[in-house]
ModelCIF file with pLDDT and N, C-alpha, C, O atoms, coordinates in Angstrom:
data_MODEL
#
_entry.id   MODEL 
#
_entity.id                         1 
_entity.type                       polymer 
_entity.pdbx_number_of_molecules   1 
#
_entity_poly.entity_id                      1 
_entity_poly.type                           'polypeptide(L)' 
_entity_poly.nstd_linkage                   no 
_entity_poly.nstd_monomer                   no 
_entity_poly.pdbx_seq_one_letter_code       ADECPVGKPDPAIYDFALRQLNARLPRPPLLRACECL 
_entity_poly.pdbx_seq_one_letter_code_can   ADECPVGKPDPAIYDFALRQLNARLPRPPLLRACECL 
_entity_poly.pdbx_strand_id                 A 
#
loop_
_entity_poly_seq.entity_id 
_entity_poly_seq.num 
_entity_poly_seq.mon_id 
_entity_poly_seq.hetero 
1 1  ALA n 
1 2  ASP n 
1 3  GLU n 
1 4  CYS n 
1 5  PRO n 
1 6  VAL n 
1 7  GLY n 
1 8  LYS n 
1 9  PRO n 
1 10 ASP n 
1 11 PRO n 
1 12 ALA n 
1 13 ILE n 
1 14 TYR n 
1 15 ASP n 
1 16 PHE n 
1 17 ALA n 
1 18 LEU n 
1 19 ARG n 
1 20 GLN n 
1 21 LEU n 
1 22 ASN n 
1 23 ALA n 
1 24 ARG n 
1 25 LEU n 
1 26 PRO n 
1 27 ARG n 
1 28 PRO n 
1 29 PRO n 
1 30 LEU n 
1 31 LEU n 
1 32 ARG n 
1 33 ALA n 
1 34 CYS n 
1 35 GLU n 
1 36 CYS n 
1 37 LEU n 
#
_struct_asym.id          A 
_struct_asym.entity_id   1 
#
loop_
_ma_qa_metric.id 
_ma_qa_metric.mode 
_ma_qa_metric.name 
_ma_qa_metric.software_group_id 
_ma_qa_metric.type 
1 global pLDDT . pLDDT 
2 local  pLDDT . pLDDT 
#
_ma_qa_metric_global.metric_id      1 
_ma_qa_metric_global.metric_value   93.30 
_ma_qa_metric_global.model_id       1 
_ma_qa_metric_global.ordinal_id     1 
#
loop_
_ma_qa_metric_local.label_asym_id 
_ma_qa_metric_local.label_comp_id 
_ma_qa_metric_local.label_seq_id 
_ma_qa_metric_local.metric_id 
_ma_qa_metric_local.metric_value 
_ma_qa_metric_local.model_id 
_ma_qa_metric_local.ordinal_id 
A ALA 1  2 91.00 1 1  
A ASP 2  2 91.00 1 2  
A GLU 3  2 93.00 1 3  
A CYS 4  2 91.00 1 4  
A PRO 5  2 83.00 1 5  
A VAL 6  2 91.00 1 6  
A GLY 7  2 93.00 1 7  
A LYS 8  2 97.00 1 8  
A PRO 9  2 97.00 1 9  
A ASP 10 2 98.00 1 10 
A PRO 11 2 98.00 1 11 
A ALA 12 2 98.00 1 12 
A ILE 13 2 98.00 1 13 
A TYR 14 2 98.00 1 14 
A ASP 15 2 98.00 1 15 
A PHE 16 2 97.00 1 16 
A ALA 17 2 97.00 1 17 
A LEU 18 2 97.00 1 18 
A ARG 19 2 96.00 1 19 
A GLN 20 2 96.00 1 20 
A LEU 21 2 95.00 1 21 
A ASN 22 2 95.00 1 22 
A ALA 23 2 94.00 1 23 
A ARG 24 2 91.00 1 24 
A LEU 25 2 82.00 1 25 
A PRO 26 2 75.00 1 26 
A ARG 27 2 80.00 1 27 
A PRO 28 2 82.00 1 28 
A PRO 29 2 87.00 1 29 
A LEU 30 2 93.00 1 30 
A LEU 31 2 95.00 1 31 
A ARG 32 2 97.00 1 32 
A ALA 33 2 98.00 1 33 
A CYS 34 2 97.00 1 34 
A GLU 35 2 97.00 1 35 
A CYS 36 2 98.00 1 36 
A LEU 37 2 98.00 1 37 
#
loop_
_atom_site.group_PDB 
_atom_site.id 
_atom_site.type_symbol 
_atom_site.label_atom_id 
_atom_site.label_alt_id 
_atom_site.label_comp_id 
_atom_site.label_asym_id 
_atom_site.label_entity_id 
_atom_site.label_seq_id 
_atom_site.pdbx_PDB_ins_code 
_atom_site.Cartn_x 
_atom_site.Cartn_y 
_atom_site.Cartn_z 
_atom_site.occupancy 
_atom_site.B_iso_or_equiv 
_atom_site.pdbx_formal_charge 
_atom_site.auth_seq_id 
_atom_site.auth_comp_id 
_atom_site.auth_asym_id 
_atom_site.auth_atom_id 
_atom_site.pdbx_PDB_model_num 
ATOM 1   N N  . ALA A 1 1  ? 1.663  -6.325  -11.133 1.00 91.00 ? 1  ALA A N  1 
ATOM 2   C CA . ALA A 1 1  ? 0.368  -6.870  -11.539 1.00 91.00 ? 1  ALA A CA 1 
ATOM 3   C C  . ALA A 1 1  ? 0.242  -8.342  -11.154 1.00 91.00 ? 1  ALA A C  1 
ATOM 4   O O  . ALA A 1 1  ? -0.868 -8.868  -11.077 1.00 91.00 ? 1  ALA A O  1 
ATOM 5   N N  . ASP A 1 2  ? 1.362  -9.005  -10.912 1.00 91.00 ? 2  ASP A N  1 
ATOM 6   C CA . ASP A 1 2  ? 1.320  -10.401 -10.477 1.00 91.00 ? 2  ASP A CA 1 
ATOM 7   C C  . ASP A 1 2  ? 0.694  -10.532 -9.090  1.00 91.00 ? 2  ASP A C  1 
ATOM 8   O O  . ASP A 1 2  ? 0.020  -11.522 -8.806  1.00 91.00 ? 2  ASP A O  1 
ATOM 9   N N  . GLU A 1 3  ? 0.910  -9.545  -8.231  1.00 93.00 ? 3  GLU A N  1 
ATOM 10  C CA . GLU A 1 3  ? 0.357  -9.576  -6.875  1.00 93.00 ? 3  GLU A CA 1 
ATOM 11  C C  . GLU A 1 3  ? -0.980 -8.853  -6.774  1.00 93.00 ? 3  GLU A C  1 
ATOM 12  O O  . GLU A 1 3  ? -1.781 -9.134  -5.882  1.00 93.00 ? 3  GLU A O  1 
ATOM 13  N N  . CYS A 1 4  ? -1.214 -7.931  -7.684  1.00 91.00 ? 4  CYS A N  1 
ATOM 14  C CA . CYS A 1 4  ? -2.429 -7.115  -7.634  1.00 91.00 ? 4  CYS A CA 1 
ATOM 15  C C  . CYS A 1 4  ? -2.970 -6.973  -9.057  1.00 91.00 ? 4  CYS A C  1 
ATOM 16  O O  . CYS A 1 4  ? -2.636 -6.017  -9.757  1.00 91.00 ? 4  CYS A O  1 
ATOM 17  N N  . PRO A 1 5  ? -3.801 -7.920  -9.481  1.00 83.00 ? 5  PRO A N  1 
ATOM 18  C CA . PRO A 1 5  ? -4.234 -7.933  -10.875 1.00 83.00 ? 5  PRO A CA 1 
ATOM 19  C C  . PRO A 1 5  ? -5.223 -6.839  -11.278 1.00 83.00 ? 5  PRO A C  1 
ATOM 20  O O  . PRO A 1 5  ? -5.514 -6.685  -12.464 1.00 83.00 ? 5  PRO A O  1 
ATOM 21  N N  . VAL A 1 6  ? -5.743 -6.079  -10.317 1.00 91.00 ? 6  VAL A N  1 
ATOM 22  C CA . VAL A 1 6  ? -6.640 -4.977  -10.651 1.00 91.00 ? 6  VAL A CA 1 
ATOM 23  C C  . VAL A 1 6  ? -5.771 -3.799  -11.091 1.00 91.00 ? 6  VAL A C  1 
ATOM 24  O O  . VAL A 1 6  ? -4.952 -3.303  -10.317 1.00 91.00 ? 6  VAL A O  1 
ATOM 25  N N  . GLY A 1 7  ? -5.951 -3.358  -12.323 1.00 93.00 ? 7  GLY A N  1 
ATOM 26  C CA . GLY A 1 7  ? -5.075 -2.334  -12.879 1.00 93.00 ? 7  GLY A CA 1 
ATOM 27  C C  . GLY A 1 7  ? -5.462 -0.914  -12.532 1.00 93.00 ? 7  GLY A C  1 
ATOM 28  O O  . GLY A 1 7  ? -6.581 -0.629  -12.106 1.00 93.00 ? 7  GLY A O  1 
ATOM 29  N N  . LYS A 1 8  ? -4.496 -0.034  -12.729 1.00 97.00 ? 8  LYS A N  1 
ATOM 30  C CA . LYS A 1 8  ? -4.728 1.393   -12.586 1.00 97.00 ? 8  LYS A CA 1 
ATOM 31  C C  . LYS A 1 8  ? -5.695 1.800   -13.687 1.00 97.00 ? 8  LYS A C  1 
ATOM 32  O O  . LYS A 1 8  ? -5.582 1.272   -14.793 1.00 97.00 ? 8  LYS A O  1 
ATOM 33  N N  . PRO A 1 9  ? -6.615 2.683   -13.460 1.00 97.00 ? 9  PRO A N  1 
ATOM 34  C CA . PRO A 1 9  ? -6.704 3.711   -12.426 1.00 97.00 ? 9  PRO A CA 1 
ATOM 35  C C  . PRO A 1 9  ? -7.342 3.264   -11.113 1.00 97.00 ? 9  PRO A C  1 
ATOM 36  O O  . PRO A 1 9  ? -7.567 4.098   -10.236 1.00 97.00 ? 9  PRO A O  1 
ATOM 37  N N  . ASP A 1 10 ? -7.635 1.997   -10.952 1.00 98.00 ? 10 ASP A N  1 
ATOM 38  C CA . ASP A 1 10 ? -8.101 1.525   -9.651  1.00 98.00 ? 10 ASP A CA 1 
ATOM 39  C C  . ASP A 1 10 ? -6.946 1.702   -8.660  1.00 98.00 ? 10 ASP A C  1 
ATOM 40  O O  . ASP A 1 10 ? -5.799 1.423   -9.008  1.00 98.00 ? 10 ASP A O  1 
ATOM 41  N N  . PRO A 1 11 ? -7.221 2.154   -7.446  1.00 98.00 ? 11 PRO A N  1 
ATOM 42  C CA . PRO A 1 11 ? -6.157 2.400   -6.473  1.00 98.00 ? 11 PRO A CA 1 
ATOM 43  C C  . PRO A 1 11 ? -5.646 1.144   -5.760  1.00 98.00 ? 11 PRO A C  1 
ATOM 44  O O  . PRO A 1 11 ? -4.797 1.251   -4.875  1.00 98.00 ? 11 PRO A O  1 
ATOM 45  N N  . ALA A 1 12 ? -6.139 -0.033  -6.123  1.00 98.00 ? 12 ALA A N  1 
ATOM 46  C CA . ALA A 1 12 ? -5.822 -1.262  -5.394  1.00 98.00 ? 12 ALA A CA 1 
ATOM 47  C C  . ALA A 1 12 ? -4.324 -1.502  -5.225  1.00 98.00 ? 12 ALA A C  1 
ATOM 48  O O  . ALA A 1 12 ? -3.895 -1.935  -4.156  1.00 98.00 ? 12 ALA A O  1 
ATOM 49  N N  . ILE A 1 13 ? -3.526 -1.233  -6.246  1.00 98.00 ? 13 ILE A N  1 
ATOM 50  C CA . ILE A 1 13 ? -2.096 -1.528  -6.145  1.00 98.00 ? 13 ILE A CA 1 
ATOM 51  C C  . ILE A 1 13 ? -1.417 -0.624  -5.116  1.00 98.00 ? 13 ILE A C  1 
ATOM 52  O O  . ILE A 1 13 ? -0.490 -1.054  -4.429  1.00 98.00 ? 13 ILE A O  1 
ATOM 53  N N  . TYR A 1 14 ? -1.873 0.623   -5.008  1.00 98.00 ? 14 TYR A N  1 
ATOM 54  C CA . TYR A 1 14 ? -1.296 1.521   -4.002  1.00 98.00 ? 14 TYR A CA 1 
ATOM 55  C C  . TYR A 1 14 ? -1.771 1.157   -2.602  1.00 98.00 ? 14 TYR A C  1 
ATOM 56  O O  . TYR A 1 14 ? -0.994 1.216   -1.649  1.00 98.00 ? 14 TYR A O  1 
ATOM 57  N N  . ASP A 1 15 ? -3.028 0.785   -2.472  1.00 98.00 ? 15 ASP A N  1 
ATOM 58  C CA . ASP A 1 15 ? -3.542 0.327   -1.180  1.00 98.00 ? 15 ASP A CA 1 
ATOM 59  C C  . ASP A 1 15 ? -2.783 -0.922  -0.725  1.00 98.00 ? 15 ASP A C  1 
ATOM 60  O O  . ASP A 1 15 ? -2.399 -1.033  0.439   1.00 98.00 ? 15 ASP A O  1 
ATOM 61  N N  . PHE A 1 16 ? -2.573 -1.852  -1.646  1.00 97.00 ? 16 PHE A N  1 
ATOM 62  C CA . PHE A 1 16 ? -1.859 -3.087  -1.341  1.00 97.00 ? 16 PHE A CA 1 
ATOM 63  C C  . PHE A 1 16 ? -0.412 -2.792  -0.944  1.00 97.00 ? 16 PHE A C  1 
ATOM 64  O O  . PHE A 1 16 ? 0.086  -3.343  0.037   1.00 97.00 ? 16 PHE A O  1 
ATOM 65  N N  . ALA A 1 17 ? 0.255  -1.934  -1.692  1.00 97.00 ? 17 ALA A N  1 
ATOM 66  C CA . ALA A 1 17 ? 1.649  -1.592  -1.389  1.00 97.00 ? 17 ALA A CA 1 
ATOM 67  C C  . ALA A 1 17 ? 1.771  -0.955  -0.008  1.00 97.00 ? 17 ALA A C  1 
ATOM 68  O O  . ALA A 1 17 ? 2.698  -1.269  0.738   1.00 97.00 ? 17 ALA A O  1 
ATOM 69  N N  . LEU A 1 18 ? 0.849  -0.069  0.334   1.00 97.00 ? 18 LEU A N  1 
ATOM 70  C CA . LEU A 1 18 ? 0.883  0.569   1.652   1.00 97.00 ? 18 LEU A CA 1 
ATOM 71  C C  . LEU A 1 18 ? 0.689  -0.464  2.758   1.00 97.00 ? 18 LEU A C  1 
ATOM 72  O O  . LEU A 1 18 ? 1.387  -0.426  3.772   1.00 97.00 ? 18 LEU A O  1 
ATOM 73  N N  . ARG A 1 19 ? -0.252 -1.383  2.569   1.00 96.00 ? 19 ARG A N  1 
ATOM 74  C CA . ARG A 1 19 ? -0.451 -2.451  3.568   1.00 96.00 ? 19 ARG A CA 1 
ATOM 75  C C  . ARG A 1 19 ? 0.814  -3.303  3.714   1.00 96.00 ? 19 ARG A C  1 
ATOM 76  O O  . ARG A 1 19 ? 1.187  -3.682  4.824   1.00 96.00 ? 19 ARG A O  1 
ATOM 77  N N  . GLN A 1 20 ? 1.457  -3.596  2.609   1.00 96.00 ? 20 GLN A N  1 
ATOM 78  C CA . GLN A 1 20 ? 2.676  -4.410  2.656   1.00 96.00 ? 20 GLN A CA 1 
ATOM 79  C C  . GLN A 1 20 ? 3.820  -3.665  3.347   1.00 96.00 ? 20 GLN A C  1 
ATOM 80  O O  . GLN A 1 20 ? 4.573  -4.264  4.114   1.00 96.00 ? 20 GLN A O  1 
ATOM 81  N N  . LEU A 1 21 ? 3.953  -2.381  3.082   1.00 95.00 ? 21 LEU A N  1 
ATOM 82  C CA . LEU A 1 21 ? 4.980  -1.582  3.765   1.00 95.00 ? 21 LEU A CA 1 
ATOM 83  C C  . LEU A 1 21 ? 4.730  -1.570  5.268   1.00 95.00 ? 21 LEU A C  1 
ATOM 84  O O  . LEU A 1 21 ? 5.659  -1.734  6.059   1.00 95.00 ? 21 LEU A O  1 
ATOM 85  N N  . ASN A 1 22 ? 3.487  -1.377  5.654   1.00 95.00 ? 22 ASN A N  1 
ATOM 86  C CA . ASN A 1 22 ? 3.160  -1.361  7.085   1.00 95.00 ? 22 ASN A CA 1 
ATOM 87  C C  . ASN A 1 22 ? 3.341  -2.731  7.722   1.00 95.00 ? 22 ASN A C  1 
ATOM 88  O O  . ASN A 1 22 ? 3.666  -2.815  8.906   1.00 95.00 ? 22 ASN A O  1 
ATOM 89  N N  . ALA A 1 23 ? 3.141  -3.797  6.974   1.00 94.00 ? 23 ALA A N  1 
ATOM 90  C CA . ALA A 1 23 ? 3.346  -5.144  7.503   1.00 94.00 ? 23 ALA A CA 1 
ATOM 91  C C  . ALA A 1 23 ? 4.833  -5.409  7.751   1.00 94.00 ? 23 ALA A C  1 
ATOM 92  O O  . ALA A 1 23 ? 5.186  -6.190  8.634   1.00 94.00 ? 23 ALA A O  1 
ATOM 93  N N  . ARG A 1 24 ? 5.689  -4.770  6.983   1.00 91.00 ? 24 ARG A N  1 
ATOM 94  C CA . ARG A 1 24 ? 7.136  -4.955  7.150   1.00 91.00 ? 24 ARG A CA 1 
ATOM 95  C C  . ARG A 1 24 ? 7.653  -4.246  8.399   1.00 91.00 ? 24 ARG A C  1 
ATOM 96  O O  . ARG A 1 24 ? 8.536  -4.758  9.087   1.00 91.00 ? 24 ARG A O  1 
ATOM 97  N N  . LEU A 1 25 ? 7.110  -3.088  8.685   1.00 82.00 ? 25 LEU A N  1 
ATOM 98  C CA . LEU A 1 25 ? 7.485  -2.332  9.877   1.00 82.00 ? 25 LEU A CA 1 
ATOM 99  C C  . LEU A 1 25 ? 6.200  -1.952  10.602  1.00 82.00 ? 25 LEU A C  1 
ATOM 100 O O  . LEU A 1 25 ? 5.775  -0.798  10.557  1.00 82.00 ? 25 LEU A O  1 
ATOM 101 N N  . PRO A 1 26 ? 5.580  -2.930  11.273  1.00 75.00 ? 26 PRO A N  1 
ATOM 102 C CA . PRO A 1 26 ? 4.242  -2.688  11.818  1.00 75.00 ? 26 PRO A CA 1 
ATOM 103 C C  . PRO A 1 26 ? 4.195  -1.879  13.112  1.00 75.00 ? 26 PRO A C  1 
ATOM 104 O O  . PRO A 1 26 ? 3.129  -1.745  13.712  1.00 75.00 ? 26 PRO A O  1 
ATOM 105 N N  . ARG A 1 27 ? 5.314  -1.347  13.546  1.00 80.00 ? 27 ARG A N  1 
ATOM 106 C CA . ARG A 1 27 ? 5.254  -0.596  14.796  1.00 80.00 ? 27 ARG A CA 1 
ATOM 107 C C  . ARG A 1 27 ? 4.616  0.775   14.566  1.00 80.00 ? 27 ARG A C  1 
ATOM 108 O O  . ARG A 1 27 ? 4.832  1.402   13.529  1.00 80.00 ? 27 ARG A O  1 
ATOM 109 N N  . PRO A 1 28 ? 3.835  1.230   15.535  1.00 82.00 ? 28 PRO A N  1 
ATOM 110 C CA . PRO A 1 28 ? 3.208  2.558   15.396  1.00 82.00 ? 28 PRO A CA 1 
ATOM 111 C C  . PRO A 1 28 ? 4.270  3.648   15.365  1.00 82.00 ? 28 PRO A C  1 
ATOM 112 O O  . PRO A 1 28 ? 5.337  3.468   15.952  1.00 82.00 ? 28 PRO A O  1 
ATOM 113 N N  . PRO A 1 29 ? 4.021  4.743   14.719  1.00 87.00 ? 29 PRO A N  1 
ATOM 114 C CA . PRO A 1 29 ? 2.820  5.001   13.924  1.00 87.00 ? 29 PRO A CA 1 
ATOM 115 C C  . PRO A 1 29 ? 2.954  4.361   12.539  1.00 87.00 ? 29 PRO A C  1 
ATOM 116 O O  . PRO A 1 29 ? 4.023  4.397   11.928  1.00 87.00 ? 29 PRO A O  1 
ATOM 117 N N  . LEU A 1 30 ? 1.881  3.791   12.064  1.00 93.00 ? 30 LEU A N  1 
ATOM 118 C CA . LEU A 1 30 ? 1.879  3.200   10.733  1.00 93.00 ? 30 LEU A CA 1 
ATOM 119 C C  . LEU A 1 30 ? 1.890  4.297   9.672   1.00 93.00 ? 30 LEU A C  1 
ATOM 120 O O  . LEU A 1 30 ? 1.372  5.395   9.879   1.00 93.00 ? 30 LEU A O  1 
ATOM 121 N N  . LEU A 1 31 ? 2.476  3.978   8.565   1.00 95.00 ? 31 LEU A N  1 
ATOM 122 C CA . LEU A 1 31 ? 2.524  4.891   7.433   1.00 95.00 ? 31 LEU A CA 1 
ATOM 123 C C  . LEU A 1 31 ? 1.111  5.083   6.886   1.00 95.00 ? 31 LEU A C  1 
ATOM 124 O O  . LEU A 1 31 ? 0.390  4.111   6.657   1.00 95.00 ? 31 LEU A O  1 
ATOM 125 N N  . ARG A 1 32 ? 0.721  6.333   6.680   1.00 97.00 ? 32 ARG A N  1 
ATOM 126 C CA . ARG A 1 32 ? -0.612 6.631   6.137   1.00 97.00 ? 32 ARG A CA 1 
ATOM 127 C C  . ARG A 1 32 ? -0.490 7.126   4.700   1.00 97.00 ? 32 ARG A C  1 
ATOM 128 O O  . ARG A 1 32 ? 0.535  7.680   4.303   1.00 97.00 ? 32 ARG A O  1 
ATOM 129 N N  . ALA A 1 33 ? -1.549 6.918   3.935   1.00 98.00 ? 33 ALA A N  1 
ATOM 130 C CA . ALA A 1 33 ? -1.543 7.319   2.525   1.00 98.00 ? 33 ALA A CA 1 
ATOM 131 C C  . ALA A 1 33 ? -1.199 8.800   2.361   1.00 98.00 ? 33 ALA A C  1 
ATOM 132 O O  . ALA A 1 33 ? -0.471 9.167   1.438   1.00 98.00 ? 33 ALA A O  1 
ATOM 133 N N  . CYS A 1 34 ? -1.708 9.634   3.231   1.00 97.00 ? 34 CYS A N  1 
ATOM 134 C CA . CYS A 1 34 ? -1.472 11.077  3.112   1.00 97.00 ? 34 CYS A CA 1 
ATOM 135 C C  . CYS A 1 34 ? -0.019 11.463  3.380   1.00 97.00 ? 34 CYS A C  1 
ATOM 136 O O  . CYS A 1 34 ? 0.369  12.609  3.153   1.00 97.00 ? 34 CYS A O  1 
ATOM 137 N N  . GLU A 1 35 ? 0.791  10.511  3.865   1.00 97.00 ? 35 GLU A N  1 
ATOM 138 C CA . GLU A 1 35 ? 2.208  10.752  4.111   1.00 97.00 ? 35 GLU A CA 1 
ATOM 139 C C  . GLU A 1 35 ? 3.079  10.240  2.971   1.00 97.00 ? 35 GLU A C  1 
ATOM 140 O O  . GLU A 1 35 ? 4.303  10.370  3.005   1.00 97.00 ? 35 GLU A O  1 
ATOM 141 N N  . CYS A 1 36 ? 2.447  9.664   1.974   1.00 98.00 ? 36 CYS A N  1 
ATOM 142 C CA . CYS A 1 36 ? 3.173  9.047   0.857   1.00 98.00 ? 36 CYS A CA 1 
ATOM 143 C C  . CYS A 1 36 ? 3.152  9.939   -0.381  1.00 98.00 ? 36 CYS A C  1 
ATOM 144 O O  . CYS A 1 36 ? 2.372  10.886  -0.488  1.00 98.00 ? 36 CYS A O  1 
ATOM 145 N N  . LEU A 1 37 ? 4.029  9.601   -1.295  1.00 98.00 ? 37 LEU A N  1 
ATOM 146 C CA . LEU A 1 37 ? 4.092  10.274  -2.583  1.00 98.00 ? 37 LEU A CA 1 
ATOM 147 C C  . LEU A 1 37 ? 4.165  9.216   -3.674  1.00 98.00 ? 37 LEU A C  1 
ATOM 148 O O  . LEU A 1 37 ? 4.226  9.553   -4.856  1.00 98.00 ? 37 LEU A O  1 
#
């Protein structure tokens, strides 16, 4: 919540986490939400 103050059930924290994961390993293919659990 320190990095993403919008709380669940808003999806913002998951969207943010996915963007951060892709920023760490930005080579294609990027990780997509439908590939996550």
